[in-house]
C-alpha atoms as a PDB file:
ATOM      1  CA  MET A   1      57.020 114.903 -58.884  1.00  0.00           C
ATOM      2  CA  ILE A   2      54.995 117.313 -56.668  1.00  0.00           C
ATOM      3  CA  PRO A   3      55.469 116.477 -52.939  1.00  0.00           C
ATOM      4  CA  GLN A   4      52.653 114.543 -51.435  1.00  0.00           C
ATOM      5  CA  TRP A   5      52.036 115.429 -47.771  1.00  0.00           C
ATOM      6  CA  PHE A   6      50.922 112.926 -45.107  1.00  0.00           C
ATOM      7  CA  ALA A   7      50.153 113.302 -41.433  1.00  0.00           C
ATOM      8  CA  VAL A   8      52.356 111.285 -39.030  1.00  0.00           C
ATOM      9  CA  MET A   9      51.219 110.624 -35.414  1.00  0.00           C
ATOM     10  CA  THR A  10      54.109 110.917 -33.021  1.00  0.00           C
ATOM     11  CA  GLN A  11      54.541 109.454 -29.553  1.00  0.00           C
ATOM     12  CA  ALA A  12      53.258 111.739 -26.819  1.00  0.00           C
ATOM     13  CA  GLY A  13      55.475 114.895 -26.516  1.00  0.00           C
ATOM     14  CA  GLN A  14      57.935 113.633 -29.183  1.00  0.00           C
ATOM     15  CA  GLU A  15      57.022 115.906 -32.062  1.00  0.00           C
ATOM     16  CA  ALA A  16      60.394 117.719 -32.146  1.00  0.00           C
ATOM     17  CA  HIS A  17      62.336 114.421 -31.766  1.00  0.00           C
ATOM     18  CA  ALA A  18      60.286 112.772 -34.580  1.00  0.00           C
ATOM     19  CA  GLU A  19      60.918 115.791 -36.814  1.00  0.00           C
ATOM     20  CA  ARG A  20      64.683 115.765 -36.186  1.00  0.00           C
ATOM     21  CA  HIS A  21      64.970 111.968 -36.841  1.00  0.00           C
ATOM     22  CA  LEU A  22      62.815 112.037 -39.981  1.00  0.00           C
ATOM     23  CA  ARG A  23      64.980 114.893 -41.314  1.00  0.00           C
ATOM     24  CA  LYS A  24      68.099 112.760 -40.620  1.00  0.00           C
ATOM     25  CA  ARG A  25      66.513 110.070 -42.771  1.00  0.00           C
ATOM     26  CA  GLY A  26      66.154 112.522 -45.615  1.00  0.00           C
ATOM     27  CA  PHE A  27      62.391 113.303 -45.466  1.00  0.00           C
ATOM     28  CA  TRP A  28      60.864 116.714 -45.868  1.00  0.00           C
ATOM     29  CA  VAL A  29      59.105 117.386 -42.527  1.00  0.00           C
ATOM     30  CA  PHE A  30      56.897 120.214 -41.401  1.00  0.00           C
ATOM     31  CA  TYR A  31      56.355 120.603 -37.630  1.00  0.00           C
ATOM     32  CA  PRO A  32      54.177 123.687 -36.976  1.00  0.00           C
ATOM     33  CA  HIS A  33      54.620 125.052 -33.480  1.00  0.00           C
ATOM     34  CA  GLN A  34      54.399 128.247 -31.439  1.00  0.00           C
ATOM     35  CA  ARG A  35      56.815 129.669 -28.913  1.00  0.00           C
ATOM     36  CA  VAL A  36      54.878 130.545 -25.767  1.00  0.00           C
ATOM     37  CA  LYS A  37      55.604 131.790 -22.284  1.00  0.00           C
ATOM     38  CA  GLU A  38      54.589 129.337 -19.590  1.00  0.00           C
ATOM     39  CA  ARG A  39      54.966 129.220 -15.826  1.00  0.00           C
ATOM     40  CA  ARG A  40      56.575 125.886 -14.891  1.00  0.00           C
ATOM     41  CA  GLY A  41      58.037 124.074 -12.023  1.00  0.00           C
ATOM     42  CA  ARG A  42      57.514 124.337  -8.293  1.00  0.00           C
ATOM     43  CA  ASN A  43      58.542 128.024  -8.237  1.00  0.00           C
ATOM     44  CA  LYS A  44      56.307 128.797 -11.247  1.00  0.00           C
ATOM     45  CA  LEU A  45      59.214 130.460 -13.116  1.00  0.00           C
ATOM     46  CA  LEU A  46      58.318 131.951 -16.522  1.00  0.00           C
ATOM     47  CA  GLU A  47      59.918 129.932 -19.311  1.00  0.00           C
ATOM     48  CA  ILE A  48      59.683 130.078 -23.080  1.00  0.00           C
ATOM     49  CA  VAL A  49      58.736 126.743 -24.608  1.00  0.00           C
ATOM     50  CA  ASP A  50      57.731 125.458 -28.002  1.00  0.00           C
ATOM     51  CA  ARG A  51      54.179 123.983 -28.204  1.00  0.00           C
ATOM     52  CA  PRO A  52      52.899 122.031 -31.236  1.00  0.00           C
ATOM     53  CA  LEU A  53      50.052 123.602 -33.229  1.00  0.00           C
ATOM     54  CA  PHE A  54      48.733 120.011 -33.679  1.00  0.00           C
ATOM     55  CA  SER A  55      49.620 118.013 -30.549  1.00  0.00           C
ATOM     56  CA  ARG A  56      51.188 114.628 -31.497  1.00  0.00           C
ATOM     57  CA  TYR A  57      51.322 115.336 -35.291  1.00  0.00           C
ATOM     58  CA  VAL A  58      53.970 116.346 -37.822  1.00  0.00           C
ATOM     59  CA  PHE A  59      53.651 116.299 -41.626  1.00  0.00           C
ATOM     60  CA  VAL A  60      55.906 114.361 -43.953  1.00  0.00           C
ATOM     61  CA  ALA A  61      56.242 114.845 -47.703  1.00  0.00           C
ATOM     62  CA  LEU A  62      57.064 112.037 -50.094  1.00  0.00           C
ATOM     63  CA  ARG A  63      58.940 113.423 -53.078  1.00  0.00           C
ATOM     64  CA  HIS A  64      60.154 110.351 -54.970  1.00  0.00           C
ATOM     65  CA  PRO A  65      58.447 107.159 -55.988  1.00  0.00           C
ATOM     66  CA  ASN A  66      61.066 105.159 -54.116  1.00  0.00           C
ATOM     67  CA  GLU A  67      60.333 106.822 -50.745  1.00  0.00           C
ATOM     68  CA  THR A  68      58.231 104.506 -48.564  1.00  0.00           C
ATOM     69  CA  PHE A  69      56.362 104.611 -45.285  1.00  0.00           C
ATOM     70  CA  GLU A  70      58.369 101.751 -43.677  1.00  0.00           C
ATOM     71  CA  ALA A  71      61.234 104.137 -42.959  1.00  0.00           C
ATOM     72  CA  VAL A  72      58.725 106.664 -41.520  1.00  0.00           C
ATOM     73  CA  ASP A  73      57.045 104.100 -39.311  1.00  0.00           C
ATOM     74  CA  THR A  74      60.283 102.918 -37.774  1.00  0.00           C
ATOM     75  CA  THR A  75      61.671 106.366 -36.971  1.00  0.00           C
ATOM     76  CA  TYR A  76      62.347 107.251 -33.335  1.00  0.00           C
ATOM     77  CA  GLY A  77      59.487 109.319 -31.948  1.00  0.00           C
ATOM     78  CA  VAL A  78      56.974 108.190 -34.544  1.00  0.00           C
ATOM     79  CA  ALA A  79      53.857 106.211 -33.506  1.00  0.00           C
ATOM     80  CA  THR A  80      52.364 105.664 -36.925  1.00  0.00           C
ATOM     81  CA  VAL A  81      51.455 107.151 -40.268  1.00  0.00           C
ATOM     82  CA  VAL A  82      47.734 108.268 -40.257  1.00  0.00           C
ATOM     83  CA  ARG A  83      45.827 105.872 -42.434  1.00  0.00           C
ATOM     84  CA  ARG A  84      42.293 105.496 -43.799  1.00  0.00           C
ATOM     85  CA  SER A  85      39.991 103.304 -41.683  1.00  0.00           C
ATOM     86  CA  PHE A  86      39.058 100.604 -44.199  1.00  0.00           C
ATOM     87  CA  SER A  87      41.721 100.653 -46.880  1.00  0.00           C
ATOM     88  CA  LYS A  88      44.589 101.317 -44.444  1.00  0.00           C
ATOM     89  CA  GLU A  89      46.193 103.541 -47.130  1.00  0.00           C
ATOM     90  CA  PRO A  90      48.064 106.570 -45.807  1.00  0.00           C
ATOM     91  CA  LEU A  91      45.815 109.645 -45.656  1.00  0.00           C
ATOM     92  CA  GLN A  92      47.161 112.309 -47.997  1.00  0.00           C
ATOM     93  CA  ILE A  93      46.757 115.969 -46.825  1.00  0.00           C
ATOM     94  CA  PRO A  94      45.492 118.192 -49.711  1.00  0.00           C
ATOM     95  CA  THR A  95      48.280 120.458 -51.123  1.00  0.00           C
ATOM     96  CA  PRO A  96      46.291 123.701 -50.673  1.00  0.00           C
ATOM     97  CA  VAL A  97      45.876 122.887 -46.963  1.00  0.00           C
ATOM     98  CA  MET A  98      49.555 122.306 -46.522  1.00  0.00           C
ATOM     99  CA  ASP A  99      50.433 125.409 -48.573  1.00  0.00           C
ATOM    100  CA  ALA A 100      48.248 127.477 -46.232  1.00  0.00           C
ATOM    101  CA  LEU A 101      49.878 125.972 -43.170  1.00  0.00           C
ATOM    102  CA  ILE A 102      53.359 126.424 -44.493  1.00  0.00           C
ATOM    103  CA  GLU A 103      52.639 130.021 -45.536  1.00  0.00           C
ATOM    104  CA  ILE A 104      51.914 131.178 -41.993  1.00  0.00           C
ATOM    105  CA  ALA A 105      55.071 129.612 -40.528  1.00  0.00           C
ATOM    106  CA  ASP A 106      58.748 130.456 -40.911  1.00  0.00           C
ATOM    107  CA  ALA A 107      61.417 128.113 -42.282  1.00  0.00           C
ATOM    108  CA  GLU A 108      61.624 126.175 -38.986  1.00  0.00           C
ATOM    109  CA  GLY A 109      57.885 125.772 -38.700  1.00  0.00           C
ATOM    110  CA  LEU A 110      57.485 128.467 -36.088  1.00  0.00           C
ATOM    111  CA  VAL A 111      53.996 130.085 -36.295  1.00  0.00           C
ATOM    112  CA  PRO A 112      53.913 133.664 -34.907  1.00  0.00           C
ATOM    113  CA  SER A 113      51.986 133.760 -31.604  1.00  0.00           C
ATOM    114  CA  ASP A 114      50.156 136.908 -32.592  1.00  0.00           C
ATOM    115  CA  LYS A 115      47.933 134.828 -34.873  1.00  0.00           C
ATOM    116  CA  PRO A 116      44.715 133.802 -33.010  1.00  0.00           C
ATOM    117  CA  PRO A 117      45.050 130.096 -32.135  1.00  0.00           C
ATOM    118  CA  HIS A 118      42.593 127.588 -33.751  1.00  0.00           C
ATOM    119  CA  TRP A 119      41.908 125.933 -30.346  1.00  0.00           C
ATOM    120  CA  PHE A 120      40.083 128.722 -28.595  1.00  0.00           C
ATOM    121  CA  LYS A 121      36.555 127.522 -27.862  1.00  0.00           C
ATOM    122  CA  GLY A 122      35.466 130.065 -25.218  1.00  0.00           C
ATOM    123  CA  ARG A 123      32.093 131.758 -25.330  1.00  0.00           C
ATOM    124  CA  GLU A 124      30.791 134.990 -23.966  1.00  0.00           C
ATOM    125  CA  GLY A 125      30.123 134.562 -20.210  1.00  0.00           C
ATOM    126  CA  ASP A 126      32.592 131.754 -19.675  1.00  0.00           C
ATOM    127  CA  THR A 127      34.805 132.064 -16.613  1.00  0.00           C
ATOM    128  CA  VAL A 128      38.548 132.015 -17.235  1.00  0.00           C
ATOM    129  CA  GLU A 129      41.780 132.472 -15.299  1.00  0.00           C
ATOM    130  CA  LEU A 130      44.320 134.928 -16.426  1.00  0.00           C
ATOM    131  CA  VAL A 131      47.862 133.625 -16.627  1.00  0.00           C
ATOM    132  CA  ASP A 132      51.061 135.476 -17.761  1.00  0.00           C
ATOM    133  CA  GLU A 133      49.426 138.882 -17.913  1.00  0.00           C
ATOM    134  CA  GLU A 134      50.787 141.321 -15.329  1.00  0.00           C
ATOM    135  CA  PRO A 135      49.248 142.791 -13.199  1.00  0.00           C
ATOM    136  CA  TYR A 136      46.320 140.434 -13.600  1.00  0.00           C
ATOM    137  CA  PHE A 137      48.217 137.142 -13.176  1.00  0.00           C
ATOM    138  CA  GLY A 138      46.060 134.575 -11.288  1.00  0.00           C
ATOM    139  CA  LEU A 139      42.865 136.636 -11.287  1.00  0.00           C
ATOM    140  CA  VAL A 140      39.519 135.129 -12.526  1.00  0.00           C
ATOM    141  CA  ALA A 141      37.580 136.897 -15.241  1.00  0.00           C
ATOM    142  CA  ARG A 142      34.503 136.476 -17.390  1.00  0.00           C
ATOM    143  CA  ILE A 143      34.641 136.644 -21.185  1.00  0.00           C
ATOM    144  CA  ALA A 144      32.928 139.886 -22.270  1.00  0.00           C
ATOM    145  CA  SER A 145      33.066 139.604 -26.025  1.00  0.00           C
ATOM    146  CA  ILE A 146      34.417 137.125 -28.476  1.00  0.00           C
ATOM    147  CA  SER A 147      33.455 139.276 -31.479  1.00  0.00           C
ATOM    148  CA  GLU A 148      36.160 141.797 -30.360  1.00  0.00           C
ATOM    149  CA  LEU A 149      38.857 139.199 -30.862  1.00  0.00           C
ATOM    150  CA  ASP A 150      41.189 141.227 -33.079  1.00  0.00           C
ATOM    151  CA  ALA A 151      43.993 140.378 -35.432  1.00  0.00           C
ATOM    152  CA  LYS A 152      46.480 140.869 -32.596  1.00  0.00           C
ATOM    153  CA  GLY A 153      44.839 138.102 -30.657  1.00  0.00           C
ATOM    154  CA  ARG A 154      43.435 140.189 -27.777  1.00  0.00           C
ATOM    155  CA  ILE A 155      40.127 139.456 -26.090  1.00  0.00           C
ATOM    156  CA  ARG A 156      37.888 141.607 -23.840  1.00  0.00           C
ATOM    157  CA  VAL A 157      37.080 140.242 -20.405  1.00  0.00           C
ATOM    158  CA  PHE A 158      35.221 141.477 -17.342  1.00  0.00           C
ATOM    159  CA  LEU A 159      37.635 141.599 -14.408  1.00  0.00           C
ATOM    160  CA  ARG A 160      36.379 142.006 -10.884  1.00  0.00           C
ATOM    161  CA  MET A 161      38.820 144.075  -8.816  1.00  0.00           C
ATOM    162  CA  LEU A 162      38.660 146.730  -6.184  1.00  0.00           C
ATOM    163  CA  GLY A 163      34.975 146.109  -5.668  1.00  0.00           C
ATOM    164  CA  ALA A 164      33.935 146.806  -9.200  1.00  0.00           C
ATOM    165  CA  GLU A 165      33.757 144.989 -12.526  1.00  0.00           C
ATOM    166  CA  ARG A 166      35.897 146.492 -15.306  1.00  0.00           C
ATOM    167  CA  GLU A 167      36.338 145.604 -18.951  1.00  0.00           C
ATOM    168  CA  VAL A 168      39.958 144.802 -19.824  1.00  0.00           C
ATOM    169  CA  ASP A 169      41.701 143.755 -23.076  1.00  0.00           C
ATOM    170  CA  VAL A 170      44.136 140.902 -22.563  1.00  0.00           C
ATOM    171  CA  PRO A 171      46.186 138.663 -25.001  1.00  0.00           C
ATOM    172  CA  LEU A 172      44.301 135.482 -25.827  1.00  0.00           C
ATOM    173  CA  GLN A 173      47.378 133.526 -24.744  1.00  0.00           C
ATOM    174  CA  ALA A 174      46.863 134.934 -21.269  1.00  0.00           C
ATOM    175  CA  VAL A 175      43.462 133.271 -20.951  1.00  0.00           C
ATOM    176  CA  ALA A 176      43.595 129.759 -19.580  1.00  0.00           C
ATOM    177  CA  THR A 177      41.650 127.137 -17.610  1.00  0.00           C
ATOM    178  CA  LEU A 178      38.251 127.544 -19.146  1.00  0.00           C
ATOM    179  CA  ARG A 179      35.572 126.614 -16.655  1.00  0.00           C
ATOM    180  CA  VAL A 180      32.023 125.635 -17.390  1.00  0.00           C
ATOM    181  CA  ARG A 181      29.436 128.243 -16.394  1.00  0.00           C
END
């Protein structure tokens, strides 16, 4: 039987715990995540943390006819199996979609951070703050060009410093706190 993949909603911030406990129960689990640098705590120390690619979701494959969702629903860290609105049947994720997701990740589900993230919704002219990009940390910039977002995930911004506005390329991961124009 070809594995059938389903989305599972986890409790808030419990993606890794849900993955671990589902694996202990014998399920195939895919938890796509990225390892990012983040300033945390009162001292704003730079730490490396894992962030889910899909917040509050992991994917579970059913491989045998005798595998059921009751064991999934009662697993620590799991909120519920994603179901269709009217029929309440579990919503199956198409195999080509899962294959594409699995292909970009390594064996542990780690997606390289040099891939441009799917969540970036900035537009040219939006004001952003630069985080984790020395020597520009904490400075405010304006997006110069989205079209120049390259395969390495860098973006061009206008940065005002020393009395002039300069164009600078920075990693997309260094752009945060999008503000409305």
